Amino acid sequence: MSSFSGNAMQDRLLALLDLGGPVVALLLLLSILALSAILYKIWQFRAEGVGRHAEIARAIAAHDAGDAKGAARHLAVSRSHLAPLLAAAIGAGPDAKPRIAAEAESRLARIERGFRLLDSIAQIAPLLGLFGTVLGMIDAFRALQDAGASVDPSALAGGIWVALLTTAGGLAIAMPTSLALTWFESRAEADRVQADLAIEALTGPRARAPERTDAT
């Protein structure tokens, strides 16, 4: 049964490639690249603990309260990829802040690797689909011209349907790729903001609680 369904799927894929030509083949390649990049980034974000800021926030609170050891404990159990760098920042002083910030930016750049590929796919896929549609429409109208007075409307409609297939395919690739890229970028930007806040807090003097004034 599985062998039959596999053969049927293969036959449909070959028929689709035959209808759309090389443009459909390129769109299929782009879809595979986009899916592979998205799955890899999901795995990377999970493995690196991107977006896990709870323990970092607790470490900042502990540092502000004067508990450097407590801050280090919170960072030790954090799953964020920024935690080891922030642990080294505790008590390092303001002079170390530029280098720590540069190292944090390097880690964030590694997290953002692959964003350009997804962005390129999201932009190229609909343009490639439109290109395929234009080529298909040219073929359809050429067939219409060759047919002369004996025009078959059903054949013309079939040619236009095939031409529009590539536009639909391009949009089907671009929309989920763009949504995934937006989500990845928002998570990476949240890590950047958290890193800036933590570096500023952990390399500087601890915050002082406001003095209480008794009413007279």
N, C-alpha and C. Protein backbone atom coordinates (compact mmCIF):
# COMPACT_ATOMS: atom_id res chain seq x y z
N MET A 1 0.84 -1.21 0.00
CA MET A 1 0.00 0.00 0.00
C MET A 1 0.87 1.25 0.00
N SER A 2 1.90 1.27 0.88
CA SER A 2 2.78 2.43 0.96
C SER A 2 3.58 2.60 -0.33
N SER A 3 3.94 1.44 -0.95
CA SER A 3 4.68 1.52 -2.21
C SER A 3 3.80 2.12 -3.31
N PHE A 4 2.51 1.75 -3.30
CA PHE A 4 1.59 2.29 -4.30
C PHE A 4 1.40 3.79 -4.13
N SER A 5 1.22 4.23 -2.86
CA SER A 5 1.04 5.66 -2.61
C SER A 5 2.31 6.43 -2.95
N GLY A 6 3.47 5.83 -2.69
CA GLY A 6 4.73 6.49 -3.03
C GLY A 6 4.88 6.65 -4.53
N ASN A 7 4.49 5.62 -5.28
CA ASN A 7 4.57 5.72 -6.74
C ASN A 7 3.59 6.76 -7.28
N ALA A 8 2.38 6.81 -6.66
CA ALA A 8 1.39 7.80 -7.09
C ALA A 8 1.90 9.21 -6.84
N MET A 9 2.53 9.42 -5.66
CA MET A 9 3.07 10.75 -5.35
C MET A 9 4.19 11.11 -6.32
N GLN A 10 5.01 10.14 -6.65
CA GLN A 10 6.09 10.41 -7.60
C GLN A 10 5.54 10.76 -8.97
N ASP A 11 4.48 10.04 -9.39
CA ASP A 11 3.87 10.33 -10.69
C ASP A 11 3.27 11.74 -10.71
N ARG A 12 2.63 12.14 -9.59
CA ARG A 12 2.05 13.49 -9.53
C ARG A 12 3.14 14.56 -9.58
N LEU A 13 4.24 14.28 -8.89
CA LEU A 13 5.34 15.24 -8.90
C LEU A 13 5.94 15.40 -10.29
N LEU A 14 6.11 14.28 -10.98
CA LEU A 14 6.64 14.34 -12.35
C LEU A 14 5.68 15.06 -13.29
N ALA A 15 4.37 14.82 -13.07
CA ALA A 15 3.39 15.51 -13.91
C ALA A 15 3.41 17.02 -13.64
N LEU A 16 3.59 17.38 -12.37
CA LEU A 16 3.65 18.81 -12.02
C LEU A 16 4.88 19.47 -12.63
N LEU A 17 6.00 18.77 -12.59
CA LEU A 17 7.22 19.31 -13.20
C LEU A 17 7.07 19.42 -14.71
N ASP A 18 6.35 18.47 -15.31
CA ASP A 18 6.15 18.52 -16.74
C ASP A 18 5.25 19.69 -17.14
N LEU A 19 4.26 20.00 -16.28
CA LEU A 19 3.36 21.11 -16.57
C LEU A 19 4.07 22.45 -16.42
N GLY A 20 4.78 22.61 -15.32
CA GLY A 20 5.38 23.92 -15.03
C GLY A 20 6.76 24.12 -15.60
N GLY A 21 7.42 23.04 -15.96
CA GLY A 21 8.75 23.17 -16.54
C GLY A 21 9.82 23.51 -15.50
N PRO A 22 10.90 24.13 -15.94
CA PRO A 22 12.02 24.41 -15.04
C PRO A 22 11.67 25.38 -13.90
N VAL A 23 10.67 26.24 -14.11
CA VAL A 23 10.30 27.18 -13.04
C VAL A 23 9.75 26.43 -11.85
N VAL A 24 8.90 25.43 -12.08
CA VAL A 24 8.37 24.63 -10.98
C VAL A 24 9.50 23.85 -10.29
N ALA A 25 10.46 23.39 -11.06
CA ALA A 25 11.61 22.68 -10.46
C ALA A 25 12.39 23.62 -9.54
N LEU A 26 12.58 24.86 -9.97
CA LEU A 26 13.29 25.83 -9.13
C LEU A 26 12.48 26.17 -7.89
N LEU A 27 11.16 26.30 -8.04
CA LEU A 27 10.31 26.56 -6.87
C LEU A 27 10.36 25.40 -5.89
N LEU A 28 10.38 24.19 -6.40
CA LEU A 28 10.49 23.02 -5.54
C LEU A 28 11.81 23.04 -4.78
N LEU A 29 12.89 23.41 -5.46
CA LEU A 29 14.20 23.51 -4.80
C LEU A 29 14.18 24.58 -3.72
N LEU A 30 13.56 25.73 -4.00
CA LEU A 30 13.46 26.79 -2.99
C LEU A 30 12.65 26.33 -1.79
N SER A 31 11.59 25.58 -2.02
CA SER A 31 10.77 25.11 -0.90
C SER A 31 11.56 24.15 -0.01
N ILE A 32 12.39 23.31 -0.62
CA ILE A 32 13.21 22.39 0.16
C ILE A 32 14.25 23.17 0.98
N LEU A 33 14.87 24.17 0.35
CA LEU A 33 15.84 25.00 1.07
C LEU A 33 15.19 25.75 2.23
N ALA A 34 14.01 26.31 1.98
CA ALA A 34 13.32 27.07 3.02
C ALA A 34 12.94 26.16 4.18
N LEU A 35 12.38 25.00 3.89
CA LEU A 35 11.97 24.08 4.95
C LEU A 35 13.17 23.60 5.75
N SER A 36 14.27 23.29 5.06
CA SER A 36 15.48 22.84 5.75
C SER A 36 16.02 23.93 6.66
N ALA A 37 16.06 25.18 6.17
CA ALA A 37 16.57 26.29 6.98
C ALA A 37 15.67 26.56 8.18
N ILE A 38 14.37 26.49 8.00
CA ILE A 38 13.44 26.74 9.11
C ILE A 38 13.58 25.67 10.18
N LEU A 39 13.64 24.41 9.77
CA LEU A 39 13.79 23.33 10.75
C LEU A 39 15.12 23.43 11.49
N TYR A 40 16.17 23.80 10.77
CA TYR A 40 17.48 23.96 11.42
C TYR A 40 17.45 25.10 12.44
N LYS A 41 16.83 26.23 12.07
CA LYS A 41 16.78 27.36 13.00
C LYS A 41 15.94 27.02 14.23
N ILE A 42 14.86 26.29 14.05
CA ILE A 42 14.05 25.88 15.20
C ILE A 42 14.89 25.02 16.14
N TRP A 43 15.64 24.06 15.57
CA TRP A 43 16.50 23.23 16.41
C TRP A 43 17.58 24.07 17.08
N GLN A 44 18.19 24.98 16.35
CA GLN A 44 19.25 25.81 16.92
C GLN A 44 18.72 26.69 18.04
N PHE A 45 17.58 27.33 17.84
CA PHE A 45 17.01 28.20 18.86
C PHE A 45 16.70 27.42 20.13
N ARG A 46 16.19 26.20 19.96
CA ARG A 46 15.89 25.37 21.12
C ARG A 46 17.16 24.93 21.84
N ALA A 47 18.16 24.52 21.06
CA ALA A 47 19.42 24.06 21.66
C ALA A 47 20.16 25.19 22.35
N GLU A 48 20.12 26.40 21.80
CA GLU A 48 20.84 27.53 22.37
C GLU A 48 20.04 28.27 23.45
N GLY A 49 18.79 27.87 23.65
CA GLY A 49 17.98 28.53 24.67
C GLY A 49 17.63 29.96 24.33
N VAL A 50 17.40 30.23 23.05
CA VAL A 50 17.05 31.59 22.63
C VAL A 50 15.66 31.94 23.20
N GLY A 51 15.57 33.11 23.81
CA GLY A 51 14.32 33.55 24.38
C GLY A 51 14.10 33.14 25.81
N ARG A 52 15.02 32.39 26.41
CA ARG A 52 14.87 31.96 27.80
C ARG A 52 15.57 32.98 28.71
N HIS A 53 14.78 33.92 29.21
CA HIS A 53 15.34 35.05 29.94
C HIS A 53 15.01 35.03 31.43
N ALA A 54 14.27 34.03 31.89
CA ALA A 54 13.80 34.06 33.28
C ALA A 54 14.96 34.06 34.27
N GLU A 55 15.91 33.16 34.09
CA GLU A 55 17.03 33.08 35.03
C GLU A 55 17.95 34.29 34.90
N ILE A 56 18.06 34.85 33.70
CA ILE A 56 18.86 36.07 33.53
C ILE A 56 18.23 37.22 34.30
N ALA A 57 16.92 37.34 34.23
CA ALA A 57 16.23 38.40 34.97
C ALA A 57 16.42 38.21 36.48
N ARG A 58 16.36 36.97 36.95
CA ARG A 58 16.59 36.70 38.38
C ARG A 58 18.03 37.03 38.77
N ALA A 59 18.97 36.76 37.85
CA ALA A 59 20.37 37.08 38.13
C ALA A 59 20.56 38.59 38.26
N ILE A 60 19.91 39.36 37.41
CA ILE A 60 20.01 40.81 37.49
C ILE A 60 19.43 41.31 38.81
N ALA A 61 18.28 40.74 39.19
CA ALA A 61 17.66 41.14 40.46
C ALA A 61 18.56 40.81 41.64
N ALA A 62 19.18 39.63 41.61
CA ALA A 62 20.08 39.24 42.70
C ALA A 62 21.31 40.15 42.74
N HIS A 63 21.85 40.49 41.59
CA HIS A 63 23.01 41.38 41.55
C HIS A 63 22.64 42.76 42.08
N ASP A 64 21.47 43.25 41.73
CA ASP A 64 21.05 44.56 42.22
C ASP A 64 20.85 44.55 43.73
N ALA A 65 20.52 43.38 44.26
CA ALA A 65 20.35 43.25 45.71
C ALA A 65 21.67 43.02 46.44
N GLY A 66 22.78 42.98 45.69
CA GLY A 66 24.08 42.79 46.30
C GLY A 66 24.48 41.34 46.47
N ASP A 67 23.74 40.41 45.87
CA ASP A 67 24.02 38.98 46.00
C ASP A 67 24.69 38.48 44.72
N ALA A 68 26.00 38.67 44.62
CA ALA A 68 26.72 38.26 43.42
C ALA A 68 26.72 36.74 43.27
N LYS A 69 26.84 36.02 44.38
CA LYS A 69 26.82 34.55 44.31
C LYS A 69 25.46 34.04 43.86
N GLY A 70 24.41 34.68 44.32
CA GLY A 70 23.08 34.29 43.87
C GLY A 70 22.89 34.54 42.40
N ALA A 71 23.42 35.66 41.90
CA ALA A 71 23.34 35.95 40.47
C ALA A 71 24.08 34.90 39.66
N ALA A 72 25.25 34.49 40.16
CA ALA A 72 26.01 33.46 39.46
C ALA A 72 25.27 32.13 39.46
N ARG A 73 24.57 31.81 40.55
CA ARG A 73 23.81 30.56 40.60
C ARG A 73 22.67 30.56 39.57
N HIS A 74 22.00 31.68 39.46
CA HIS A 74 20.91 31.77 38.48
C HIS A 74 21.44 31.61 37.06
N LEU A 75 22.57 32.20 36.77
CA LEU A 75 23.14 32.08 35.43
C LEU A 75 23.66 30.67 35.16
N ALA A 76 24.09 29.98 36.22
CA ALA A 76 24.61 28.63 36.04
C ALA A 76 23.52 27.64 35.61
N VAL A 77 22.29 27.90 36.02
CA VAL A 77 21.20 26.99 35.66
C VAL A 77 20.42 27.49 34.44
N SER A 78 20.78 28.66 33.93
CA SER A 78 20.09 29.19 32.76
C SER A 78 20.45 28.39 31.51
N ARG A 79 19.47 28.20 30.64
CA ARG A 79 19.69 27.49 29.39
C ARG A 79 20.03 28.45 28.24
N SER A 80 20.08 29.73 28.51
CA SER A 80 20.35 30.71 27.46
C SER A 80 21.81 30.64 27.03
N HIS A 81 22.05 30.82 25.75
CA HIS A 81 23.42 30.85 25.22
C HIS A 81 24.19 32.06 25.73
N LEU A 82 23.50 33.04 26.29
CA LEU A 82 24.16 34.23 26.82
C LEU A 82 24.64 34.04 28.25
N ALA A 83 24.16 33.01 28.94
CA ALA A 83 24.44 32.84 30.36
C ALA A 83 25.92 32.73 30.68
N PRO A 84 26.73 31.91 29.98
CA PRO A 84 28.16 31.83 30.32
C PRO A 84 28.87 33.18 30.17
N LEU A 85 28.51 33.93 29.15
CA LEU A 85 29.13 35.23 28.94
C LEU A 85 28.73 36.21 30.05
N LEU A 86 27.46 36.19 30.44
CA LEU A 86 26.99 37.09 31.49
C LEU A 86 27.57 36.71 32.85
N ALA A 87 27.81 35.41 33.06
CA ALA A 87 28.42 34.99 34.32
C ALA A 87 29.82 35.57 34.46
N ALA A 88 30.55 35.65 33.34
CA ALA A 88 31.88 36.25 33.37
C ALA A 88 31.83 37.76 33.56
N ALA A 89 30.66 38.36 33.29
CA ALA A 89 30.53 39.81 33.42
C ALA A 89 30.30 40.26 34.85
N ILE A 90 29.91 39.33 35.74
CA ILE A 90 29.61 39.70 37.12
C ILE A 90 30.88 40.23 37.79
N GLY A 91 30.81 41.44 38.22
CA GLY A 91 31.96 42.03 38.92
C GLY A 91 33.12 42.38 38.04
N ALA A 92 32.95 42.28 36.72
CA ALA A 92 34.08 42.57 35.82
C ALA A 92 34.40 44.05 35.76
N GLY A 93 33.41 44.87 36.04
CA GLY A 93 33.64 46.31 36.03
C GLY A 93 33.31 46.94 34.69
N PRO A 94 33.14 48.25 34.68
CA PRO A 94 32.75 48.95 33.43
C PRO A 94 33.79 48.83 32.32
N ASP A 95 35.07 48.69 32.69
CA ASP A 95 36.11 48.62 31.65
C ASP A 95 35.94 47.39 30.75
N ALA A 96 35.36 46.32 31.31
CA ALA A 96 35.19 45.09 30.53
C ALA A 96 33.93 45.10 29.69
N LYS A 97 33.09 46.10 29.84
CA LYS A 97 31.80 46.11 29.16
C LYS A 97 31.91 46.10 27.63
N PRO A 98 32.81 46.89 27.01
CA PRO A 98 32.90 46.86 25.54
C PRO A 98 33.23 45.48 24.98
N ARG A 99 34.19 44.79 25.62
CA ARG A 99 34.56 43.48 25.10
C ARG A 99 33.43 42.47 25.31
N ILE A 100 32.78 42.51 26.46
CA ILE A 100 31.67 41.59 26.71
C ILE A 100 30.53 41.86 25.74
N ALA A 101 30.26 43.13 25.47
CA ALA A 101 29.22 43.47 24.51
C ALA A 101 29.57 42.97 23.12
N ALA A 102 30.84 43.06 22.74
CA ALA A 102 31.26 42.56 21.43
C ALA A 102 31.11 41.05 21.34
N GLU A 103 31.45 40.33 22.42
CA GLU A 103 31.30 38.88 22.42
C GLU A 103 29.82 38.49 22.36
N ALA A 104 28.98 39.25 23.05
CA ALA A 104 27.55 38.99 22.99
C ALA A 104 27.02 39.20 21.58
N GLU A 105 27.50 40.24 20.91
CA GLU A 105 27.08 40.50 19.54
C GLU A 105 27.52 39.38 18.61
N SER A 106 28.70 38.81 18.89
CA SER A 106 29.18 37.69 18.08
C SER A 106 28.27 36.47 18.25
N ARG A 107 27.84 36.21 19.48
CA ARG A 107 26.92 35.09 19.72
C ARG A 107 25.58 35.33 19.03
N LEU A 108 25.10 36.56 19.08
CA LEU A 108 23.83 36.88 18.44
C LEU A 108 23.93 36.80 16.92
N ALA A 109 25.09 37.16 16.38
CA ALA A 109 25.29 37.04 14.93
C ALA A 109 25.23 35.58 14.49
N ARG A 110 25.73 34.68 15.33
CA ARG A 110 25.64 33.25 15.02
C ARG A 110 24.19 32.79 15.04
N ILE A 111 23.41 33.33 15.97
CA ILE A 111 21.99 32.98 16.04
C ILE A 111 21.26 33.48 14.79
N GLU A 112 21.67 34.64 14.27
CA GLU A 112 20.99 35.23 13.11
C GLU A 112 21.49 34.68 11.78
N ARG A 113 22.44 33.77 11.83
CA ARG A 113 22.95 33.19 10.58
C ARG A 113 21.83 32.40 9.90
N GLY A 114 21.65 32.62 8.63
CA GLY A 114 20.59 31.96 7.88
C GLY A 114 19.40 32.85 7.62
N PHE A 115 19.32 33.99 8.32
CA PHE A 115 18.21 34.91 8.11
C PHE A 115 18.22 35.47 6.69
N ARG A 116 19.42 35.76 6.16
CA ARG A 116 19.51 36.32 4.81
C ARG A 116 19.00 35.32 3.78
N LEU A 117 19.26 34.03 4.01
CA LEU A 117 18.78 33.01 3.08
C LEU A 117 17.26 32.97 3.07
N LEU A 118 16.65 32.97 4.26
CA LEU A 118 15.19 32.95 4.34
C LEU A 118 14.58 34.21 3.72
N ASP A 119 15.22 35.35 3.96
CA ASP A 119 14.72 36.60 3.39
C ASP A 119 14.81 36.57 1.86
N SER A 120 15.90 36.02 1.36
CA SER A 120 16.06 35.94 -0.11
C SER A 120 15.01 35.01 -0.71
N ILE A 121 14.75 33.89 -0.06
CA ILE A 121 13.74 32.96 -0.58
C ILE A 121 12.36 33.61 -0.57
N ALA A 122 12.04 34.34 0.53
CA ALA A 122 10.74 34.99 0.63
C ALA A 122 10.55 36.05 -0.46
N GLN A 123 11.64 36.67 -0.90
CA GLN A 123 11.53 37.69 -1.94
C GLN A 123 11.58 37.10 -3.35
N ILE A 124 12.39 36.06 -3.54
CA ILE A 124 12.60 35.51 -4.88
C ILE A 124 11.44 34.61 -5.31
N ALA A 125 10.87 33.85 -4.37
CA ALA A 125 9.85 32.86 -4.73
C ALA A 125 8.66 33.47 -5.48
N PRO A 126 8.04 34.56 -4.98
CA PRO A 126 6.92 35.11 -5.76
C PRO A 126 7.34 35.70 -7.10
N LEU A 127 8.55 36.27 -7.15
CA LEU A 127 9.03 36.80 -8.43
C LEU A 127 9.28 35.68 -9.43
N LEU A 128 9.82 34.58 -8.93
CA LEU A 128 10.04 33.44 -9.81
C LEU A 128 8.71 32.86 -10.28
N GLY A 129 7.72 32.81 -9.38
CA GLY A 129 6.41 32.34 -9.78
C GLY A 129 5.77 33.23 -10.83
N LEU A 130 5.93 34.54 -10.66
CA LEU A 130 5.40 35.48 -11.66
C LEU A 130 6.11 35.32 -13.00
N PHE A 131 7.40 35.06 -12.95
CA PHE A 131 8.16 34.83 -14.17
C PHE A 131 7.63 33.61 -14.91
N GLY A 132 7.34 32.56 -14.15
CA GLY A 132 6.77 31.36 -14.77
C GLY A 132 5.40 31.62 -15.37
N THR A 133 4.62 32.46 -14.69
CA THR A 133 3.30 32.80 -15.22
C THR A 133 3.42 33.57 -16.53
N VAL A 134 4.34 34.52 -16.59
CA VAL A 134 4.55 35.29 -17.82
C VAL A 134 4.96 34.36 -18.96
N LEU A 135 5.87 33.44 -18.69
CA LEU A 135 6.29 32.49 -19.73
C LEU A 135 5.11 31.63 -20.18
N GLY A 136 4.29 31.20 -19.21
CA GLY A 136 3.13 30.39 -19.56
C GLY A 136 2.11 31.15 -20.38
N MET A 137 1.90 32.42 -20.05
CA MET A 137 0.96 33.23 -20.82
C MET A 137 1.47 33.47 -22.23
N ILE A 138 2.77 33.63 -22.38
CA ILE A 138 3.34 33.79 -23.73
C ILE A 138 3.06 32.55 -24.56
N ASP A 139 3.28 31.37 -23.98
CA ASP A 139 3.01 30.12 -24.70
C ASP A 139 1.53 29.99 -25.04
N ALA A 140 0.66 30.39 -24.08
CA ALA A 140 -0.78 30.27 -24.31
C ALA A 140 -1.23 31.16 -25.47
N PHE A 141 -0.77 32.39 -25.50
CA PHE A 141 -1.17 33.30 -26.57
C PHE A 141 -0.51 32.94 -27.90
N ARG A 142 0.65 32.33 -27.85
CA ARG A 142 1.28 31.86 -29.09
C ARG A 142 0.45 30.73 -29.68
N ALA A 143 -0.03 29.83 -28.78
CA ALA A 143 -0.89 28.75 -29.26
C ALA A 143 -2.19 29.30 -29.82
N LEU A 144 -2.70 30.38 -29.17
CA LEU A 144 -3.92 31.01 -29.66
C LEU A 144 -3.72 31.60 -31.06
N GLN A 145 -2.56 32.21 -31.28
CA GLN A 145 -2.27 32.78 -32.59
C GLN A 145 -2.13 31.69 -33.64
N ASP A 146 -1.46 30.59 -33.28
CA ASP A 146 -1.26 29.50 -34.23
C ASP A 146 -2.58 28.82 -34.59
N ALA A 147 -3.53 28.83 -33.63
CA ALA A 147 -4.80 28.16 -33.89
C ALA A 147 -5.65 28.92 -34.89
N GLY A 148 -5.44 30.23 -35.00
CA GLY A 148 -6.19 31.02 -35.97
C GLY A 148 -7.66 31.09 -35.60
N ALA A 149 -8.52 30.78 -36.57
CA ALA A 149 -9.96 30.88 -36.34
C ALA A 149 -10.49 29.70 -35.54
N SER A 150 -9.83 28.57 -35.57
CA SER A 150 -10.30 27.37 -34.86
C SER A 150 -9.74 27.35 -33.44
N VAL A 151 -10.21 28.26 -32.61
CA VAL A 151 -9.71 28.38 -31.23
C VAL A 151 -10.55 27.50 -30.32
N ASP A 152 -9.87 26.71 -29.50
CA ASP A 152 -10.55 25.87 -28.51
C ASP A 152 -10.46 26.58 -27.16
N PRO A 153 -11.59 27.13 -26.66
CA PRO A 153 -11.52 27.87 -25.38
C PRO A 153 -11.02 27.02 -24.23
N SER A 154 -11.37 25.74 -24.23
CA SER A 154 -10.93 24.87 -23.12
C SER A 154 -9.41 24.71 -23.13
N ALA A 155 -8.81 24.63 -24.30
CA ALA A 155 -7.35 24.50 -24.37
C ALA A 155 -6.68 25.79 -23.90
N LEU A 156 -7.28 26.94 -24.28
CA LEU A 156 -6.72 28.21 -23.84
C LEU A 156 -6.82 28.36 -22.33
N ALA A 157 -7.96 27.97 -21.75
CA ALA A 157 -8.14 28.05 -20.30
C ALA A 157 -7.17 27.13 -19.59
N GLY A 158 -6.94 25.95 -20.20
CA GLY A 158 -5.97 25.03 -19.59
C GLY A 158 -4.57 25.60 -19.58
N GLY A 159 -4.18 26.29 -20.65
CA GLY A 159 -2.86 26.90 -20.69
C GLY A 159 -2.70 28.01 -19.67
N ILE A 160 -3.76 28.81 -19.49
CA ILE A 160 -3.70 29.88 -18.50
C ILE A 160 -3.64 29.30 -17.09
N TRP A 161 -4.39 28.22 -16.86
CA TRP A 161 -4.37 27.57 -15.54
C TRP A 161 -2.96 27.09 -15.20
N VAL A 162 -2.32 26.48 -16.15
CA VAL A 162 -0.95 26.01 -15.93
C VAL A 162 -0.02 27.19 -15.67
N ALA A 163 -0.24 28.30 -16.38
CA ALA A 163 0.62 29.47 -16.20
C ALA A 163 0.48 30.05 -14.80
N LEU A 164 -0.74 30.11 -14.29
CA LEU A 164 -0.98 30.67 -12.96
C LEU A 164 -0.49 29.74 -11.85
N LEU A 165 -0.24 28.50 -12.17
CA LEU A 165 0.21 27.54 -11.17
C LEU A 165 1.52 27.98 -10.53
N THR A 166 2.43 28.55 -11.30
CA THR A 166 3.72 28.94 -10.74
C THR A 166 3.59 30.13 -9.79
N THR A 167 2.68 31.06 -10.09
CA THR A 167 2.46 32.19 -9.17
C THR A 167 1.94 31.68 -7.83
N ALA A 168 0.97 30.76 -7.88
CA ALA A 168 0.44 30.19 -6.64
C ALA A 168 1.54 29.47 -5.87
N GLY A 169 2.40 28.74 -6.58
CA GLY A 169 3.49 28.04 -5.90
C GLY A 169 4.47 29.00 -5.25
N GLY A 170 4.80 30.09 -5.96
CA GLY A 170 5.72 31.07 -5.39
C GLY A 170 5.17 31.72 -4.13
N LEU A 171 3.88 32.07 -4.15
CA LEU A 171 3.26 32.68 -2.97
C LEU A 171 3.16 31.67 -1.82
N ALA A 172 2.89 30.42 -2.15
CA ALA A 172 2.79 29.39 -1.12
C ALA A 172 4.12 29.17 -0.41
N ILE A 173 5.23 29.42 -1.10
CA ILE A 173 6.54 29.32 -0.47
C ILE A 173 6.88 30.58 0.30
N ALA A 174 6.58 31.75 -0.28
CA ALA A 174 7.01 33.01 0.31
C ALA A 174 6.29 33.32 1.61
N MET A 175 4.99 33.05 1.70
CA MET A 175 4.23 33.47 2.88
C MET A 175 4.68 32.78 4.17
N PRO A 176 4.74 31.44 4.21
CA PRO A 176 5.22 30.82 5.46
C PRO A 176 6.68 31.12 5.76
N THR A 177 7.50 31.29 4.71
CA THR A 177 8.91 31.62 4.93
C THR A 177 9.03 33.00 5.58
N SER A 178 8.24 33.96 5.10
CA SER A 178 8.27 35.30 5.66
C SER A 178 7.78 35.31 7.10
N LEU A 179 6.73 34.55 7.40
CA LEU A 179 6.23 34.47 8.77
C LEU A 179 7.27 33.85 9.71
N ALA A 180 7.90 32.77 9.25
CA ALA A 180 8.93 32.13 10.08
C ALA A 180 10.09 33.08 10.32
N LEU A 181 10.51 33.81 9.30
CA LEU A 181 11.62 34.76 9.45
C LEU A 181 11.26 35.87 10.44
N THR A 182 10.04 36.36 10.38
CA THR A 182 9.61 37.40 11.32
C THR A 182 9.67 36.89 12.76
N TRP A 183 9.25 35.65 12.97
CA TRP A 183 9.30 35.07 14.32
C TRP A 183 10.74 34.90 14.79
N PHE A 184 11.61 34.40 13.92
CA PHE A 184 13.01 34.23 14.29
C PHE A 184 13.65 35.58 14.64
N GLU A 185 13.37 36.60 13.82
CA GLU A 185 13.96 37.91 14.05
C GLU A 185 13.47 38.52 15.36
N SER A 186 12.21 38.33 15.70
CA SER A 186 11.69 38.88 16.95
C SER A 186 12.35 38.21 18.14
N ARG A 187 12.58 36.90 18.07
CA ARG A 187 13.24 36.20 19.17
C ARG A 187 14.70 36.64 19.31
N ALA A 188 15.39 36.79 18.18
CA ALA A 188 16.78 37.24 18.24
C ALA A 188 16.88 38.66 18.76
N GLU A 189 15.95 39.53 18.38
CA GLU A 189 15.97 40.91 18.86
C GLU A 189 15.69 40.97 20.36
N ALA A 190 14.80 40.10 20.84
CA ALA A 190 14.54 40.04 22.28
C ALA A 190 15.79 39.62 23.04
N ASP A 191 16.57 38.69 22.47
CA ASP A 191 17.83 38.29 23.10
C ASP A 191 18.83 39.45 23.10
N ARG A 192 18.85 40.23 22.03
CA ARG A 192 19.77 41.37 21.96
C ARG A 192 19.43 42.41 23.04
N VAL A 193 18.16 42.70 23.20
CA VAL A 193 17.74 43.67 24.22
C VAL A 193 18.08 43.14 25.61
N GLN A 194 17.83 41.85 25.84
CA GLN A 194 18.13 41.26 27.15
C GLN A 194 19.63 41.27 27.42
N ALA A 195 20.43 41.01 26.39
CA ALA A 195 21.89 41.01 26.57
C ALA A 195 22.38 42.41 26.92
N ASP A 196 21.89 43.43 26.24
CA ASP A 196 22.31 44.80 26.55
C ASP A 196 21.94 45.17 27.98
N LEU A 197 20.74 44.81 28.39
CA LEU A 197 20.31 45.13 29.75
C LEU A 197 21.15 44.40 30.79
N ALA A 198 21.40 43.11 30.55
CA ALA A 198 22.16 42.33 31.52
C ALA A 198 23.61 42.79 31.62
N ILE A 199 24.23 43.09 30.49
CA ILE A 199 25.62 43.55 30.52
C ILE A 199 25.73 44.87 31.26
N GLU A 200 24.80 45.76 30.99
CA GLU A 200 24.80 47.06 31.67
C GLU A 200 24.63 46.88 33.17
N ALA A 201 23.76 45.95 33.56
CA ALA A 201 23.48 45.76 34.99
C ALA A 201 24.60 45.02 35.70
N LEU A 202 25.15 43.98 35.08
CA LEU A 202 26.10 43.12 35.76
C LEU A 202 27.52 43.69 35.80
N THR A 203 27.86 44.56 34.86
CA THR A 203 29.19 45.15 34.87
C THR A 203 29.23 46.46 35.65
N GLY A 204 28.08 46.99 35.99
CA GLY A 204 28.03 48.25 36.73
C GLY A 204 27.82 48.02 38.21
N PRO A 205 27.78 49.09 38.97
CA PRO A 205 27.50 48.96 40.40
C PRO A 205 26.06 48.53 40.61
N ARG A 206 25.82 47.84 41.70
CA ARG A 206 24.47 47.35 41.97
C ARG A 206 23.54 48.53 42.22
N ALA A 207 22.30 48.32 41.83
CA ALA A 207 21.31 49.38 42.03
C ALA A 207 21.00 49.52 43.51
N ARG A 208 20.80 50.73 43.95
CA ARG A 208 20.47 50.96 45.34
C ARG A 208 18.97 51.14 45.50
N ALA A 209 18.45 50.52 46.53
CA ALA A 209 17.03 50.69 46.80
C ALA A 209 16.78 52.10 47.28
N PRO A 210 15.63 52.68 46.91
CA PRO A 210 15.34 54.05 47.35
C PRO A 210 15.23 54.14 48.86
N GLU A 211 15.76 55.20 49.39
CA GLU A 211 15.72 55.39 50.84
C GLU A 211 14.32 55.66 51.29
N ARG A 212 13.98 55.05 52.43
CA ARG A 212 12.65 55.25 52.99
C ARG A 212 12.66 56.49 53.88
N THR A 213 11.65 57.26 53.73
CA THR A 213 11.51 58.45 54.57
C THR A 213 10.28 58.31 55.43
N ASP A 214 10.45 58.46 56.72
CA ASP A 214 9.33 58.33 57.66
C ASP A 214 8.59 59.67 57.72
N ALA A 215 7.29 59.55 57.67
CA ALA A 215 6.46 60.75 57.79
C ALA A 215 6.54 61.29 59.18
N THR A 216 6.61 62.56 59.30
CA THR A 216 6.67 63.17 60.63
C THR A 216 5.30 63.71 60.98
